[in-house]
Amino acid sequence: MSASAKHILVETEEECQALKEQIASGETTFEDAAKAKSQCPSGAQGGDLGIFDQGQMVPEFDKVVFNDELHVVHGPVQTQFGYHLLLITNRDG
């Protein structure tokens, strides 16, 4: 099974939740928030991680990407890297 997703990585759960609220309210887009705030290099591409297979990402990430609803902002999701917002854009299998 493979999927494509975008994410935003920040240090704190509070910052992650605040970004989620800004996106939900229409104050910013997911892509613009990723470019401005994400600590992952993917932020430069609006958080786009491209296509990846199940098992390539950390387990907390995989659980959301391969089970939860498409085209909805999920999170905060905590991993060893920090706190993520996830936007699943496609999934096959």
C-alpha atoms as a PDB file:
ATOM      1  CA  MET A   1       0.000   0.000   0.000  1.00  0.00           C
ATOM      2  CA  SER A   2       1.271   3.494  -0.806  1.00  0.00           C
ATOM      3  CA  ALA A   3       0.104   7.011  -0.054  1.00  0.00           C
ATOM      4  CA  SER A   4       0.979  10.627  -0.571  1.00  0.00           C
ATOM      5  CA  ALA A   5       0.768  13.225   2.145  1.00  0.00           C
ATOM      6  CA  LYS A   6       1.859  16.641   3.285  1.00  0.00           C
ATOM      7  CA  HIS A   7       3.004  17.495   6.781  1.00  0.00           C
ATOM      8  CA  ILE A   8       4.073  20.335   9.012  1.00  0.00           C
ATOM      9  CA  LEU A   9       6.649  19.649  11.734  1.00  0.00           C
ATOM     10  CA  VAL A  10       6.963  21.936  14.767  1.00  0.00           C
ATOM     11  CA  GLU A  11       8.498  21.647  18.244  1.00  0.00           C
ATOM     12  CA  THR A  12       5.460  21.980  20.486  1.00  0.00           C
ATOM     13  CA  GLU A  13       1.959  20.583  20.637  1.00  0.00           C
ATOM     14  CA  GLU A  14       0.656  24.109  21.310  1.00  0.00           C
ATOM     15  CA  GLU A  15       2.204  25.497  18.115  1.00  0.00           C
ATOM     16  CA  CYS A  16       0.871  22.526  16.171  1.00  0.00           C
ATOM     17  CA  GLN A  17      -2.664  23.070  17.494  1.00  0.00           C
ATOM     18  CA  ALA A  18      -2.486  26.805  16.768  1.00  0.00           C
ATOM     19  CA  LEU A  19      -1.488  26.120  13.146  1.00  0.00           C
ATOM     20  CA  LYS A  20      -4.310  23.600  12.800  1.00  0.00           C
ATOM     21  CA  GLU A  21      -6.788  26.231  13.981  1.00  0.00           C
ATOM     22  CA  GLN A  22      -5.372  28.840  11.567  1.00  0.00           C
ATOM     23  CA  ILE A  23      -5.773  26.395   8.674  1.00  0.00           C
ATOM     24  CA  ALA A  24      -9.300  25.407   9.752  1.00  0.00           C
ATOM     25  CA  SER A  25     -10.373  29.048  10.001  1.00  0.00           C
ATOM     26  CA  GLY A  26      -9.014  29.869   6.568  1.00  0.00           C
ATOM     27  CA  GLU A  27      -6.431  32.269   7.988  1.00  0.00           C
ATOM     28  CA  THR A  28      -3.737  30.341   6.115  1.00  0.00           C
ATOM     29  CA  THR A  29      -3.441  27.343   3.835  1.00  0.00           C
ATOM     30  CA  PHE A  30      -1.727  24.105   4.799  1.00  0.00           C
ATOM     31  CA  GLU A  31       0.964  24.762   2.175  1.00  0.00           C
ATOM     32  CA  ASP A  32       1.650  28.335   3.317  1.00  0.00           C
ATOM     33  CA  ALA A  33       1.813  27.252   6.962  1.00  0.00           C
ATOM     34  CA  ALA A  34       4.287  24.511   6.017  1.00  0.00           C
ATOM     35  CA  LYS A  35       6.485  26.970   4.105  1.00  0.00           C
ATOM     36  CA  ALA A  36       6.448  29.453   6.998  1.00  0.00           C
ATOM     37  CA  LYS A  37       6.650  27.169  10.042  1.00  0.00           C
ATOM     38  CA  SER A  38       7.705  23.579   9.266  1.00  0.00           C
ATOM     39  CA  GLN A  39      11.078  22.455  10.576  1.00  0.00           C
ATOM     40  CA  CYS A  40      11.258  19.714   7.936  1.00  0.00           C
ATOM     41  CA  PRO A  41      12.990  20.381   4.590  1.00  0.00           C
ATOM     42  CA  SER A  42       9.694  19.384   2.925  1.00  0.00           C
ATOM     43  CA  GLY A  43       8.273  22.685   4.179  1.00  0.00           C
ATOM     44  CA  ALA A  44       9.829  24.419   1.160  1.00  0.00           C
ATOM     45  CA  GLN A  45       7.476  22.331  -1.021  1.00  0.00           C
ATOM     46  CA  GLY A  46       4.445  23.146   1.109  1.00  0.00           C
ATOM     47  CA  GLY A  47       5.054  20.069   3.254  1.00  0.00           C
ATOM     48  CA  ASP A  48       4.748  17.650   0.323  1.00  0.00           C
ATOM     49  CA  LEU A  49       6.325  14.275   1.121  1.00  0.00           C
ATOM     50  CA  GLY A  50       5.483  12.723  -2.244  1.00  0.00           C
ATOM     51  CA  ILE A  51       4.500   9.062  -2.555  1.00  0.00           C
ATOM     52  CA  PHE A  52       5.749   6.555   0.001  1.00  0.00           C
ATOM     53  CA  ASP A  53       5.009   2.986   1.020  1.00  0.00           C
ATOM     54  CA  GLN A  54       3.577   1.784   4.294  1.00  0.00           C
ATOM     55  CA  GLY A  55       6.459   1.189   6.703  1.00  0.00           C
ATOM     56  CA  GLN A  56       8.725   3.913   5.292  1.00  0.00           C
ATOM     57  CA  MET A  57       7.681   6.498   7.868  1.00  0.00           C
ATOM     58  CA  VAL A  58       7.697   6.295  11.662  1.00  0.00           C
ATOM     59  CA  PRO A  59       4.848   4.153  13.105  1.00  0.00           C
ATOM     60  CA  GLU A  60       2.876   7.117  14.511  1.00  0.00           C
ATOM     61  CA  PHE A  61       2.882   8.696  11.046  1.00  0.00           C
ATOM     62  CA  ASP A  62       1.953   5.470   9.244  1.00  0.00           C
ATOM     63  CA  LYS A  63      -0.974   4.826  11.584  1.00  0.00           C
ATOM     64  CA  VAL A  64      -2.620   8.110  10.567  1.00  0.00           C
ATOM     65  CA  VAL A  65      -1.661   8.126   6.881  1.00  0.00           C
ATOM     66  CA  PHE A  66      -2.836   4.575   6.178  1.00  0.00           C
ATOM     67  CA  ASN A  67      -5.996   4.589   8.314  1.00  0.00           C
ATOM     68  CA  ASP A  68      -7.509   8.050   8.636  1.00  0.00           C
ATOM     69  CA  GLU A  69      -9.659  10.184   6.347  1.00  0.00           C
ATOM     70  CA  LEU A  70      -8.225  11.747   3.186  1.00  0.00           C
ATOM     71  CA  HIS A  71      -8.107  15.523   2.609  1.00  0.00           C
ATOM     72  CA  VAL A  72      -8.535  16.362   6.308  1.00  0.00           C
ATOM     73  CA  VAL A  73      -5.884  17.935   8.555  1.00  0.00           C
ATOM     74  CA  HIS A  74      -4.930  15.411  11.261  1.00  0.00           C
ATOM     75  CA  GLY A  75      -2.901  16.076  14.375  1.00  0.00           C
ATOM     76  CA  PRO A  76      -1.112  17.002  16.449  1.00  0.00           C
ATOM     77  CA  VAL A  77       0.685  13.680  15.982  1.00  0.00           C
ATOM     78  CA  GLN A  78       3.731  13.269  18.215  1.00  0.00           C
ATOM     79  CA  THR A  79       6.852  11.464  16.960  1.00  0.00           C
ATOM     80  CA  GLN A  80      10.472  11.537  18.071  1.00  0.00           C
ATOM     81  CA  PHE A  81      10.937  14.486  15.685  1.00  0.00           C
ATOM     82  CA  GLY A  82       8.284  16.726  17.239  1.00  0.00           C
ATOM     83  CA  TYR A  83       4.616  17.411  16.508  1.00  0.00           C
ATOM     84  CA  HIS A  84       3.083  17.012  13.073  1.00  0.00           C
ATOM     85  CA  LEU A  85      -0.007  18.067  11.209  1.00  0.00           C
ATOM     86  CA  LEU A  86      -0.753  15.586   8.440  1.00  0.00           C
ATOM     87  CA  LEU A  87      -2.794  16.023   5.278  1.00  0.00           C
ATOM     88  CA  ILE A  88      -3.300  12.747   3.397  1.00  0.00           C
ATOM     89  CA  THR A  89      -3.704  13.549  -0.291  1.00  0.00           C
ATOM     90  CA  ASN A  90      -3.935  10.047  -1.804  1.00  0.00           C
ATOM     91  CA  ARG A  91      -3.851   6.386  -0.815  1.00  0.00           C
ATOM     92  CA  ASP A  92      -3.992   3.220  -2.883  1.00  0.00           C
ATOM     93  CA  GLY A  93      -4.410  -0.391  -1.929  1.00  0.00           C
END
